[in-house]
Amino acid sequence: MEILTQAEFRLRKEEIFQKIKEGAIFIHPTDTIYGLGCHAQNQKSVQKIRKLKERPDTPFSIWIPSLDWAEKNCSWCQSTKCISWIGKLPGPYTLIAQLKNKKAIASNVNPKEETIGLRYPKHWFSKVVEELGFPIVTTSANRSGQPFMISLKKLDQDIEKGVEFIIYEGEKEARPSKIVDLSNGEVKER
C-alpha cells in the first residue's frame, strides 16, 4: 500500500487513473472525512469494498463526475426546496436521488434500492473524478460500526490491507456529509 500526497498524486496522475480504471481499491480525501473508493461501474471492486467494510448489502454513495452526469442518470423531486438543494452543490452533502439509468453504476453499489446517494464535494478531488469521466464509490474508510478515518492514525488495519493506495492530505476535522433525500417528491433531511 502506497501513501501519496496531493503533489505526488498529480505527478503520477495518469498511472493512478489507469489503476482506478482497472479496479483498484483506494482511500481518497473529501471535504469531510476520508473515503474508500473504486470505479463505481466495476462489480468486482465494489464487492471487495463490501467485504472490507463488512457491509453485505447496505447502499454506497457515489462521487459523481459532474452535475450533468447526475441529470442524465438520476432524477429528483422538482419542488423549489429540492432544486435549492441541488443548487448547494458542490458541498458537504449526500443527496439521495432516483437512479434512472441502472447501467450507470454496478448493480451492487445499491443492490436493494432504486435510489443512489450522490456526492459532489467542494474539494480538489472533484476535478479528479471529473477527469476520470465516471463515478467512483465513496463510502467512509472504516469497517461498519467503527470510527471514521480522519487521519492515518485512525486507519483500520484490515482496511489498510485491502487498498492499493491512499491519497492523503493530513488530518480531517469534519463529520460525514449531511444526507438529504430528494427521491420521493419531498425533502427529507437525515
N, C-alpha and C. Protein backbone atom coordinates (compact mmCIF):
# COMPACT_ATOMS: atom_id res chain seq x y z
N MET A 1 0.83 -1.17 0.00
CA MET A 1 0.00 0.00 0.00
C MET A 1 0.88 1.24 0.00
N GLU A 2 0.48 2.18 -0.84
CA GLU A 2 1.27 3.39 -1.04
C GLU A 2 0.50 4.61 -0.54
N ILE A 3 1.20 5.53 0.10
CA ILE A 3 0.59 6.77 0.56
C ILE A 3 1.12 7.90 -0.32
N LEU A 4 0.18 8.62 -0.97
CA LEU A 4 0.55 9.70 -1.87
C LEU A 4 0.02 11.03 -1.35
N THR A 5 0.84 12.07 -1.42
CA THR A 5 0.36 13.41 -1.14
C THR A 5 -0.37 13.91 -2.39
N GLN A 6 -1.03 15.04 -2.28
CA GLN A 6 -1.69 15.62 -3.44
C GLN A 6 -0.67 15.89 -4.55
N ALA A 7 0.50 16.41 -4.19
CA ALA A 7 1.54 16.71 -5.18
C ALA A 7 2.04 15.43 -5.86
N GLU A 8 2.26 14.38 -5.07
CA GLU A 8 2.71 13.10 -5.65
C GLU A 8 1.65 12.51 -6.56
N PHE A 9 0.38 12.64 -6.13
CA PHE A 9 -0.71 12.16 -6.98
C PHE A 9 -0.68 12.87 -8.33
N ARG A 10 -0.53 14.19 -8.31
CA ARG A 10 -0.54 14.95 -9.56
C ARG A 10 0.60 14.52 -10.49
N LEU A 11 1.77 14.22 -9.91
CA LEU A 11 2.90 13.77 -10.73
C LEU A 11 2.64 12.41 -11.37
N ARG A 12 1.83 11.60 -10.71
CA ARG A 12 1.59 10.22 -11.19
C ARG A 12 0.14 10.01 -11.61
N LYS A 13 -0.53 11.11 -11.95
CA LYS A 13 -1.97 11.08 -12.21
C LYS A 13 -2.36 10.03 -13.25
N GLU A 14 -1.69 9.98 -14.38
CA GLU A 14 -2.07 9.03 -15.44
C GLU A 14 -1.95 7.59 -14.97
N GLU A 15 -0.90 7.30 -14.23
CA GLU A 15 -0.70 5.95 -13.67
C GLU A 15 -1.83 5.61 -12.69
N ILE A 16 -2.17 6.55 -11.83
CA ILE A 16 -3.24 6.33 -10.84
C ILE A 16 -4.58 6.20 -11.54
N PHE A 17 -4.84 7.02 -12.55
CA PHE A 17 -6.09 6.90 -13.32
C PHE A 17 -6.22 5.49 -13.91
N GLN A 18 -5.13 4.99 -14.43
CA GLN A 18 -5.16 3.64 -15.02
C GLN A 18 -5.48 2.59 -13.96
N LYS A 19 -4.90 2.73 -12.79
CA LYS A 19 -5.18 1.78 -11.70
C LYS A 19 -6.65 1.82 -11.32
N ILE A 20 -7.23 3.03 -11.24
CA ILE A 20 -8.64 3.16 -10.89
C ILE A 20 -9.50 2.52 -11.98
N LYS A 21 -9.18 2.78 -13.23
CA LYS A 21 -9.93 2.19 -14.35
C LYS A 21 -9.87 0.67 -14.33
N GLU A 22 -8.75 0.14 -13.85
CA GLU A 22 -8.57 -1.32 -13.81
C GLU A 22 -9.16 -1.96 -12.55
N GLY A 23 -9.70 -1.15 -11.63
CA GLY A 23 -10.39 -1.71 -10.47
C GLY A 23 -9.72 -1.57 -9.13
N ALA A 24 -8.72 -0.71 -9.01
CA ALA A 24 -8.04 -0.52 -7.72
C ALA A 24 -9.01 -0.04 -6.65
N ILE A 25 -8.78 -0.52 -5.43
CA ILE A 25 -9.48 -0.03 -4.25
C ILE A 25 -8.52 0.97 -3.60
N PHE A 26 -9.02 2.15 -3.23
CA PHE A 26 -8.15 3.20 -2.72
C PHE A 26 -8.88 4.05 -1.70
N ILE A 27 -8.10 4.82 -0.95
CA ILE A 27 -8.65 5.79 0.00
C ILE A 27 -8.37 7.17 -0.55
N HIS A 28 -9.39 8.01 -0.52
CA HIS A 28 -9.28 9.36 -1.07
C HIS A 28 -9.78 10.39 -0.06
N PRO A 29 -9.28 11.62 -0.18
CA PRO A 29 -9.78 12.68 0.69
C PRO A 29 -11.11 13.21 0.18
N THR A 30 -11.88 13.81 1.06
CA THR A 30 -13.10 14.52 0.67
C THR A 30 -13.12 15.83 1.45
N ASP A 31 -14.21 16.54 1.34
CA ASP A 31 -14.39 17.77 2.09
C ASP A 31 -14.77 17.51 3.54
N THR A 32 -15.00 16.25 3.89
CA THR A 32 -15.43 15.92 5.25
C THR A 32 -14.45 14.94 5.90
N ILE A 33 -14.51 13.66 5.52
CA ILE A 33 -13.65 12.62 6.07
C ILE A 33 -12.97 11.88 4.91
N TYR A 34 -12.22 10.84 5.20
CA TYR A 34 -11.61 10.04 4.14
C TYR A 34 -12.60 9.00 3.65
N GLY A 35 -12.56 8.77 2.33
CA GLY A 35 -13.46 7.80 1.71
C GLY A 35 -12.71 6.63 1.14
N LEU A 36 -13.40 5.51 1.11
CA LEU A 36 -12.91 4.29 0.46
C LEU A 36 -13.57 4.26 -0.91
N GLY A 37 -12.78 4.12 -1.95
CA GLY A 37 -13.34 4.24 -3.29
C GLY A 37 -12.87 3.21 -4.28
N CYS A 38 -13.62 3.16 -5.38
CA CYS A 38 -13.28 2.33 -6.54
C CYS A 38 -14.14 2.82 -7.70
N HIS A 39 -13.89 2.32 -8.88
CA HIS A 39 -14.69 2.60 -10.07
C HIS A 39 -16.11 2.08 -9.79
N ALA A 40 -17.10 2.95 -9.84
CA ALA A 40 -18.46 2.58 -9.46
C ALA A 40 -19.15 1.67 -10.48
N GLN A 41 -18.50 1.42 -11.60
CA GLN A 41 -19.08 0.51 -12.59
C GLN A 41 -18.40 -0.86 -12.57
N ASN A 42 -17.48 -1.06 -11.63
CA ASN A 42 -16.73 -2.31 -11.54
C ASN A 42 -17.31 -3.18 -10.42
N GLN A 43 -18.11 -4.16 -10.80
CA GLN A 43 -18.81 -5.03 -9.86
C GLN A 43 -17.84 -5.72 -8.88
N LYS A 44 -16.73 -6.22 -9.37
CA LYS A 44 -15.77 -6.93 -8.51
C LYS A 44 -15.15 -5.99 -7.47
N SER A 45 -14.80 -4.79 -7.89
CA SER A 45 -14.21 -3.83 -6.96
C SER A 45 -15.21 -3.41 -5.89
N VAL A 46 -16.45 -3.17 -6.30
CA VAL A 46 -17.49 -2.81 -5.32
C VAL A 46 -17.65 -3.94 -4.31
N GLN A 47 -17.62 -5.18 -4.78
CA GLN A 47 -17.76 -6.32 -3.87
C GLN A 47 -16.58 -6.39 -2.89
N LYS A 48 -15.39 -6.06 -3.34
CA LYS A 48 -14.23 -6.04 -2.45
C LYS A 48 -14.42 -5.01 -1.33
N ILE A 49 -14.97 -3.84 -1.70
CA ILE A 49 -15.23 -2.82 -0.68
C ILE A 49 -16.27 -3.33 0.31
N ARG A 50 -17.30 -3.98 -0.19
CA ARG A 50 -18.33 -4.54 0.71
C ARG A 50 -17.69 -5.50 1.72
N LYS A 51 -16.79 -6.33 1.24
CA LYS A 51 -16.12 -7.29 2.12
C LYS A 51 -15.24 -6.56 3.14
N LEU A 52 -14.48 -5.58 2.70
CA LEU A 52 -13.62 -4.80 3.61
C LEU A 52 -14.43 -4.11 4.70
N LYS A 53 -15.55 -3.53 4.31
CA LYS A 53 -16.37 -2.77 5.26
C LYS A 53 -17.30 -3.65 6.08
N GLU A 54 -17.42 -4.92 5.68
CA GLU A 54 -18.34 -5.85 6.33
C GLU A 54 -19.78 -5.33 6.22
N ARG A 55 -20.12 -4.90 5.02
CA ARG A 55 -21.47 -4.39 4.70
C ARG A 55 -21.98 -5.15 3.48
N PRO A 56 -22.65 -6.27 3.69
CA PRO A 56 -23.05 -7.11 2.56
C PRO A 56 -24.05 -6.49 1.59
N ASP A 57 -24.95 -5.63 2.06
CA ASP A 57 -25.95 -5.13 1.12
C ASP A 57 -26.46 -3.72 1.39
N THR A 58 -25.87 -3.01 2.33
CA THR A 58 -26.31 -1.63 2.55
C THR A 58 -25.77 -0.73 1.43
N PRO A 59 -26.49 0.34 1.12
CA PRO A 59 -26.11 1.17 -0.03
C PRO A 59 -24.80 1.93 0.16
N PHE A 60 -24.11 2.12 -0.94
CA PHE A 60 -22.95 3.00 -1.00
C PHE A 60 -23.35 4.25 -1.78
N SER A 61 -22.68 5.34 -1.52
CA SER A 61 -22.86 6.56 -2.30
C SER A 61 -21.82 6.58 -3.41
N ILE A 62 -22.04 7.46 -4.37
CA ILE A 62 -21.07 7.65 -5.45
C ILE A 62 -20.68 9.11 -5.52
N TRP A 63 -19.44 9.34 -5.91
CA TRP A 63 -18.93 10.68 -6.18
C TRP A 63 -19.12 10.87 -7.68
N ILE A 64 -19.97 11.80 -8.05
CA ILE A 64 -20.30 11.99 -9.46
C ILE A 64 -19.27 12.87 -10.16
N PRO A 65 -19.06 12.62 -11.48
CA PRO A 65 -18.09 13.44 -12.20
C PRO A 65 -18.59 14.84 -12.52
N SER A 66 -19.92 15.05 -12.51
CA SER A 66 -20.48 16.37 -12.81
C SER A 66 -21.96 16.39 -12.49
N LEU A 67 -22.53 17.58 -12.41
CA LEU A 67 -23.98 17.70 -12.25
C LEU A 67 -24.68 17.23 -13.51
N ASP A 68 -24.06 17.43 -14.68
CA ASP A 68 -24.64 16.92 -15.93
C ASP A 68 -24.79 15.40 -15.87
N TRP A 69 -23.79 14.72 -15.33
CA TRP A 69 -23.89 13.26 -15.19
C TRP A 69 -25.11 12.90 -14.34
N ALA A 70 -25.30 13.62 -13.25
CA ALA A 70 -26.44 13.35 -12.36
C ALA A 70 -27.76 13.57 -13.10
N GLU A 71 -27.86 14.65 -13.85
CA GLU A 71 -29.10 14.94 -14.58
C GLU A 71 -29.41 13.89 -15.64
N LYS A 72 -28.38 13.34 -16.28
CA LYS A 72 -28.59 12.31 -17.31
C LYS A 72 -28.98 10.96 -16.71
N ASN A 73 -28.48 10.65 -15.52
CA ASN A 73 -28.63 9.31 -14.96
C ASN A 73 -29.56 9.21 -13.75
N CYS A 74 -29.97 10.34 -13.20
CA CYS A 74 -30.78 10.34 -11.98
C CYS A 74 -31.93 11.33 -12.11
N SER A 75 -32.88 11.23 -11.18
CA SER A 75 -33.96 12.22 -11.11
C SER A 75 -34.27 12.48 -9.64
N TRP A 76 -34.85 13.63 -9.37
CA TRP A 76 -35.21 14.03 -8.02
C TRP A 76 -36.47 14.86 -8.10
N CYS A 77 -37.06 15.14 -6.95
CA CYS A 77 -38.29 15.94 -6.93
C CYS A 77 -38.01 17.31 -7.54
N GLN A 78 -39.04 17.93 -8.06
CA GLN A 78 -38.87 19.20 -8.76
C GLN A 78 -39.39 20.40 -7.98
N SER A 79 -39.66 20.21 -6.69
CA SER A 79 -40.11 21.34 -5.89
C SER A 79 -38.99 22.37 -5.75
N THR A 80 -39.36 23.56 -5.39
CA THR A 80 -38.38 24.63 -5.19
C THR A 80 -37.36 24.23 -4.13
N LYS A 81 -37.84 23.58 -3.07
CA LYS A 81 -36.94 23.16 -2.00
C LYS A 81 -35.92 22.11 -2.49
N CYS A 82 -36.39 21.15 -3.31
CA CYS A 82 -35.47 20.14 -3.87
C CYS A 82 -34.43 20.80 -4.76
N ILE A 83 -34.89 21.64 -5.64
CA ILE A 83 -33.98 22.31 -6.58
C ILE A 83 -32.97 23.17 -5.82
N SER A 84 -33.40 23.78 -4.70
CA SER A 84 -32.45 24.59 -3.93
C SER A 84 -31.34 23.72 -3.35
N TRP A 85 -31.64 22.45 -3.00
CA TRP A 85 -30.59 21.55 -2.51
C TRP A 85 -29.60 21.22 -3.62
N ILE A 86 -30.09 20.98 -4.81
CA ILE A 86 -29.19 20.72 -5.95
C ILE A 86 -28.27 21.93 -6.14
N GLY A 87 -28.82 23.12 -5.95
CA GLY A 87 -28.05 24.35 -6.09
C GLY A 87 -26.96 24.53 -5.05
N LYS A 88 -27.00 23.73 -3.97
CA LYS A 88 -25.96 23.81 -2.94
C LYS A 88 -24.71 23.00 -3.31
N LEU A 89 -24.79 22.27 -4.42
CA LEU A 89 -23.62 21.50 -4.85
C LEU A 89 -22.72 22.38 -5.70
N PRO A 90 -21.43 22.23 -5.61
CA PRO A 90 -20.72 21.27 -4.74
C PRO A 90 -20.78 21.70 -3.27
N GLY A 91 -20.78 20.68 -2.41
CA GLY A 91 -20.84 20.93 -0.98
C GLY A 91 -20.80 19.65 -0.18
N PRO A 92 -20.86 19.76 1.17
CA PRO A 92 -20.70 18.61 2.06
C PRO A 92 -22.00 17.82 2.26
N TYR A 93 -22.64 17.45 1.14
CA TYR A 93 -23.93 16.78 1.20
C TYR A 93 -23.92 15.48 0.41
N THR A 94 -24.75 14.55 0.83
CA THR A 94 -25.09 13.37 0.04
C THR A 94 -26.57 13.52 -0.28
N LEU A 95 -26.87 13.71 -1.55
CA LEU A 95 -28.25 13.87 -1.98
C LEU A 95 -28.75 12.55 -2.54
N ILE A 96 -29.86 12.06 -2.00
CA ILE A 96 -30.44 10.80 -2.45
C ILE A 96 -31.39 11.10 -3.62
N ALA A 97 -31.16 10.43 -4.75
CA ALA A 97 -31.97 10.64 -5.95
C ALA A 97 -32.41 9.28 -6.51
N GLN A 98 -33.40 9.30 -7.37
CA GLN A 98 -33.80 8.10 -8.10
C GLN A 98 -32.74 7.82 -9.15
N LEU A 99 -32.40 6.56 -9.33
CA LEU A 99 -31.44 6.17 -10.37
C LEU A 99 -32.23 5.80 -11.62
N LYS A 100 -32.16 6.63 -12.65
CA LYS A 100 -32.88 6.38 -13.91
C LYS A 100 -32.15 5.36 -14.76
N ASN A 101 -30.83 5.50 -14.84
CA ASN A 101 -30.02 4.66 -15.72
C ASN A 101 -29.29 3.63 -14.87
N LYS A 102 -29.85 2.45 -14.76
CA LYS A 102 -29.27 1.41 -13.90
C LYS A 102 -27.91 0.93 -14.40
N LYS A 103 -27.60 1.17 -15.67
CA LYS A 103 -26.31 0.75 -16.22
C LYS A 103 -25.19 1.76 -15.91
N ALA A 104 -25.55 2.87 -15.28
CA ALA A 104 -24.56 3.91 -14.98
C ALA A 104 -23.61 3.50 -13.87
N ILE A 105 -24.04 2.55 -13.02
CA ILE A 105 -23.21 2.04 -11.93
C ILE A 105 -23.39 0.54 -11.82
N ALA A 106 -22.47 -0.13 -11.15
CA ALA A 106 -22.59 -1.57 -10.92
C ALA A 106 -23.83 -1.84 -10.05
N SER A 107 -24.50 -2.93 -10.30
CA SER A 107 -25.75 -3.24 -9.59
C SER A 107 -25.55 -3.43 -8.10
N ASN A 108 -24.34 -3.75 -7.66
CA ASN A 108 -24.11 -3.98 -6.23
C ASN A 108 -23.70 -2.72 -5.46
N VAL A 109 -23.72 -1.56 -6.11
CA VAL A 109 -23.46 -0.32 -5.39
C VAL A 109 -24.62 -0.05 -4.43
N ASN A 110 -25.83 -0.28 -4.90
CA ASN A 110 -27.03 -0.12 -4.08
C ASN A 110 -28.01 -1.22 -4.46
N PRO A 111 -27.73 -2.46 -4.01
CA PRO A 111 -28.45 -3.63 -4.52
C PRO A 111 -29.94 -3.71 -4.22
N LYS A 112 -30.42 -3.10 -3.19
CA LYS A 112 -31.82 -3.26 -2.82
C LYS A 112 -32.67 -2.03 -3.09
N GLU A 113 -32.11 -1.02 -3.66
CA GLU A 113 -32.81 0.26 -3.80
C GLU A 113 -32.88 0.71 -5.25
N GLU A 114 -33.80 1.61 -5.50
CA GLU A 114 -33.93 2.28 -6.80
C GLU A 114 -33.30 3.66 -6.74
N THR A 115 -32.67 3.97 -5.61
CA THR A 115 -32.08 5.28 -5.39
C THR A 115 -30.56 5.17 -5.28
N ILE A 116 -29.93 6.33 -5.27
CA ILE A 116 -28.47 6.38 -5.12
C ILE A 116 -28.10 7.67 -4.38
N GLY A 117 -27.11 7.57 -3.51
CA GLY A 117 -26.57 8.74 -2.83
C GLY A 117 -25.53 9.41 -3.71
N LEU A 118 -25.72 10.68 -3.99
CA LEU A 118 -24.82 11.43 -4.86
C LEU A 118 -23.97 12.39 -4.03
N ARG A 119 -22.66 12.30 -4.23
CA ARG A 119 -21.72 13.24 -3.60
C ARG A 119 -21.07 14.06 -4.70
N TYR A 120 -20.95 15.35 -4.46
CA TYR A 120 -20.24 16.26 -5.36
C TYR A 120 -19.61 17.33 -4.48
N PRO A 121 -18.54 16.94 -3.76
CA PRO A 121 -17.92 17.84 -2.78
C PRO A 121 -17.22 19.04 -3.41
N LYS A 122 -17.13 20.09 -2.62
CA LYS A 122 -16.32 21.25 -2.99
C LYS A 122 -14.91 20.93 -2.51
N HIS A 123 -14.16 20.24 -3.36
CA HIS A 123 -12.86 19.71 -2.99
C HIS A 123 -12.06 19.47 -4.27
N TRP A 124 -10.76 19.60 -4.21
CA TRP A 124 -9.93 19.43 -5.40
C TRP A 124 -10.11 18.05 -6.03
N PHE A 125 -10.49 17.04 -5.25
CA PHE A 125 -10.62 15.70 -5.82
C PHE A 125 -11.84 15.59 -6.75
N SER A 126 -12.76 16.54 -6.68
CA SER A 126 -13.89 16.55 -7.63
C SER A 126 -13.38 16.69 -9.06
N LYS A 127 -12.33 17.48 -9.24
CA LYS A 127 -11.73 17.64 -10.58
C LYS A 127 -11.15 16.31 -11.06
N VAL A 128 -10.60 15.54 -10.15
CA VAL A 128 -10.06 14.21 -10.50
C VAL A 128 -11.18 13.31 -11.01
N VAL A 129 -12.29 13.27 -10.28
CA VAL A 129 -13.42 12.42 -10.69
C VAL A 129 -13.98 12.92 -12.02
N GLU A 130 -14.04 14.23 -12.19
CA GLU A 130 -14.50 14.79 -13.46
C GLU A 130 -13.59 14.34 -14.61
N GLU A 131 -12.29 14.38 -14.39
CA GLU A 131 -11.34 13.96 -15.43
C GLU A 131 -11.45 12.47 -15.71
N LEU A 132 -11.74 11.66 -14.69
CA LEU A 132 -11.95 10.23 -14.92
C LEU A 132 -13.15 10.02 -15.84
N GLY A 133 -14.20 10.84 -15.66
CA GLY A 133 -15.37 10.76 -16.52
C GLY A 133 -16.41 9.74 -16.09
N PHE A 134 -16.21 9.13 -14.94
CA PHE A 134 -17.18 8.16 -14.42
C PHE A 134 -17.23 8.31 -12.91
N PRO A 135 -18.33 7.86 -12.28
CA PRO A 135 -18.44 7.99 -10.82
C PRO A 135 -17.55 6.98 -10.11
N ILE A 136 -17.18 7.33 -8.89
CA ILE A 136 -16.48 6.38 -8.03
C ILE A 136 -17.35 6.13 -6.79
N VAL A 137 -17.23 4.93 -6.25
CA VAL A 137 -17.86 4.66 -4.97
C VAL A 137 -17.16 5.54 -3.95
N THR A 138 -17.91 6.10 -3.04
CA THR A 138 -17.33 6.85 -1.94
C THR A 138 -18.10 6.50 -0.68
N THR A 139 -17.43 5.78 0.19
CA THR A 139 -18.00 5.38 1.46
C THR A 139 -16.92 5.58 2.52
N SER A 140 -17.32 5.82 3.73
CA SER A 140 -16.32 6.11 4.76
C SER A 140 -15.29 4.98 4.85
N ALA A 141 -14.04 5.36 5.07
CA ALA A 141 -12.92 4.41 5.09
C ALA A 141 -12.80 3.77 6.48
N ASN A 142 -13.80 2.96 6.81
CA ASN A 142 -13.82 2.25 8.09
C ASN A 142 -14.70 1.01 7.93
N ARG A 143 -14.51 0.05 8.83
CA ARG A 143 -15.43 -1.09 8.86
C ARG A 143 -16.74 -0.63 9.47
N SER A 144 -17.80 -1.29 9.09
CA SER A 144 -19.14 -0.94 9.58
C SER A 144 -19.16 -0.86 11.10
N GLY A 145 -19.66 0.27 11.61
CA GLY A 145 -19.77 0.46 13.05
C GLY A 145 -18.52 0.96 13.74
N GLN A 146 -17.42 1.09 13.02
CA GLN A 146 -16.16 1.56 13.59
C GLN A 146 -15.98 3.06 13.34
N PRO A 147 -15.04 3.72 14.03
CA PRO A 147 -14.84 5.16 13.83
C PRO A 147 -14.41 5.49 12.40
N PHE A 148 -14.80 6.68 11.94
CA PHE A 148 -14.42 7.16 10.62
C PHE A 148 -12.93 7.45 10.57
N MET A 149 -12.34 7.29 9.41
CA MET A 149 -10.93 7.65 9.24
C MET A 149 -10.82 9.16 9.04
N ILE A 150 -10.13 9.81 9.95
CA ILE A 150 -9.86 11.24 9.82
C ILE A 150 -8.36 11.51 9.72
N SER A 151 -7.55 10.46 9.96
CA SER A 151 -6.10 10.58 9.83
C SER A 151 -5.53 9.17 9.65
N LEU A 152 -4.25 9.10 9.30
CA LEU A 152 -3.61 7.79 9.14
C LEU A 152 -3.62 7.01 10.45
N LYS A 153 -3.58 7.74 11.58
CA LYS A 153 -3.62 7.07 12.89
C LYS A 153 -4.93 6.33 13.11
N LYS A 154 -5.99 6.80 12.45
CA LYS A 154 -7.33 6.21 12.61
C LYS A 154 -7.67 5.22 11.51
N LEU A 155 -6.68 4.80 10.72
CA LEU A 155 -6.90 3.86 9.63
C LEU A 155 -6.93 2.43 10.17
N ASP A 156 -8.04 1.76 9.97
CA ASP A 156 -8.22 0.37 10.37
C ASP A 156 -7.22 -0.51 9.60
N GLN A 157 -6.54 -1.41 10.30
CA GLN A 157 -5.51 -2.25 9.67
C GLN A 157 -6.09 -3.17 8.60
N ASP A 158 -7.29 -3.67 8.79
CA ASP A 158 -7.91 -4.53 7.78
C ASP A 158 -8.25 -3.75 6.52
N ILE A 159 -8.70 -2.53 6.69
CA ILE A 159 -8.98 -1.67 5.53
C ILE A 159 -7.66 -1.37 4.82
N GLU A 160 -6.63 -1.04 5.58
CA GLU A 160 -5.31 -0.73 5.01
C GLU A 160 -4.81 -1.87 4.14
N LYS A 161 -4.97 -3.10 4.59
CA LYS A 161 -4.51 -4.27 3.84
C LYS A 161 -5.24 -4.44 2.51
N GLY A 162 -6.47 -3.89 2.42
CA GLY A 162 -7.28 -4.08 1.24
C GLY A 162 -7.20 -3.00 0.19
N VAL A 163 -6.40 -1.94 0.45
CA VAL A 163 -6.31 -0.84 -0.52
C VAL A 163 -4.95 -0.83 -1.21
N GLU A 164 -4.96 -0.34 -2.44
CA GLU A 164 -3.73 -0.26 -3.20
C GLU A 164 -2.96 1.02 -2.90
N PHE A 165 -3.70 2.11 -2.68
CA PHE A 165 -3.03 3.37 -2.38
C PHE A 165 -3.98 4.29 -1.60
N ILE A 166 -3.36 5.29 -0.96
CA ILE A 166 -4.09 6.32 -0.22
C ILE A 166 -3.62 7.66 -0.74
N ILE A 167 -4.57 8.55 -1.02
CA ILE A 167 -4.23 9.93 -1.33
C ILE A 167 -4.51 10.69 -0.04
N TYR A 168 -3.44 11.15 0.58
CA TYR A 168 -3.53 11.68 1.95
C TYR A 168 -3.21 13.16 1.98
N GLU A 169 -4.05 13.93 2.68
CA GLU A 169 -3.81 15.37 2.80
C GLU A 169 -3.84 15.86 4.23
N GLY A 170 -3.53 14.97 5.16
CA GLY A 170 -3.49 15.37 6.55
C GLY A 170 -4.76 15.06 7.30
N GLU A 171 -4.75 15.41 8.58
CA GLU A 171 -5.88 15.09 9.44
C GLU A 171 -7.11 15.92 9.08
N LYS A 172 -8.27 15.28 9.14
CA LYS A 172 -9.56 15.93 8.88
C LYS A 172 -10.23 16.23 10.21
N GLU A 173 -11.00 17.29 10.24
CA GLU A 173 -11.70 17.64 11.48
C GLU A 173 -13.21 17.61 11.28
N ALA A 174 -13.65 17.20 10.12
CA ALA A 174 -15.07 17.27 9.80
C ALA A 174 -15.82 15.98 10.11
N ARG A 175 -17.12 16.03 9.94
CA ARG A 175 -18.00 14.88 10.09
C ARG A 175 -18.36 14.38 8.70
N PRO A 176 -19.01 13.21 8.62
CA PRO A 176 -19.51 12.76 7.32
C PRO A 176 -20.50 13.78 6.74
N SER A 177 -20.76 13.65 5.46
CA SER A 177 -21.66 14.58 4.79
C SER A 177 -23.09 14.47 5.32
N LYS A 178 -23.82 15.56 5.19
CA LYS A 178 -25.25 15.60 5.57
C LYS A 178 -26.04 14.88 4.48
N ILE A 179 -26.93 13.98 4.88
CA ILE A 179 -27.73 13.21 3.93
C ILE A 179 -29.09 13.87 3.77
N VAL A 180 -29.47 14.12 2.50
CA VAL A 180 -30.76 14.74 2.19
C VAL A 180 -31.42 13.91 1.09
N ASP A 181 -32.60 13.37 1.39
CA ASP A 181 -33.33 12.53 0.45
C ASP A 181 -34.25 13.40 -0.41
N LEU A 182 -33.98 13.41 -1.72
CA LEU A 182 -34.78 14.17 -2.68
C LEU A 182 -35.54 13.24 -3.62
N SER A 183 -35.63 11.97 -3.27
CA SER A 183 -36.11 10.96 -4.23
C SER A 183 -37.63 10.79 -4.29
N ASN A 184 -38.37 11.26 -3.31
CA ASN A 184 -39.79 10.93 -3.26
C ASN A 184 -40.72 12.14 -3.24
N GLY A 185 -40.40 13.18 -3.91
CA GLY A 185 -41.31 14.31 -4.01
C GLY A 185 -41.23 15.32 -2.88
N GLU A 186 -40.50 15.02 -1.84
CA GLU A 186 -40.31 15.97 -0.76
C GLU A 186 -38.91 15.81 -0.19
N VAL A 187 -38.44 16.84 0.46
CA VAL A 187 -37.11 16.83 1.04
C VAL A 187 -37.15 16.21 2.43
N LYS A 188 -36.27 15.21 2.65
CA LYS A 188 -36.15 14.61 3.97
C LYS A 188 -34.69 14.68 4.39
N GLU A 189 -34.42 15.48 5.41
CA GLU A 189 -33.05 15.60 5.91
C GLU A 189 -32.82 14.55 6.99
N ARG A 190 -31.65 13.89 6.93
CA ARG A 190 -31.32 12.86 7.93
C ARG A 190 -30.19 13.34 8.81
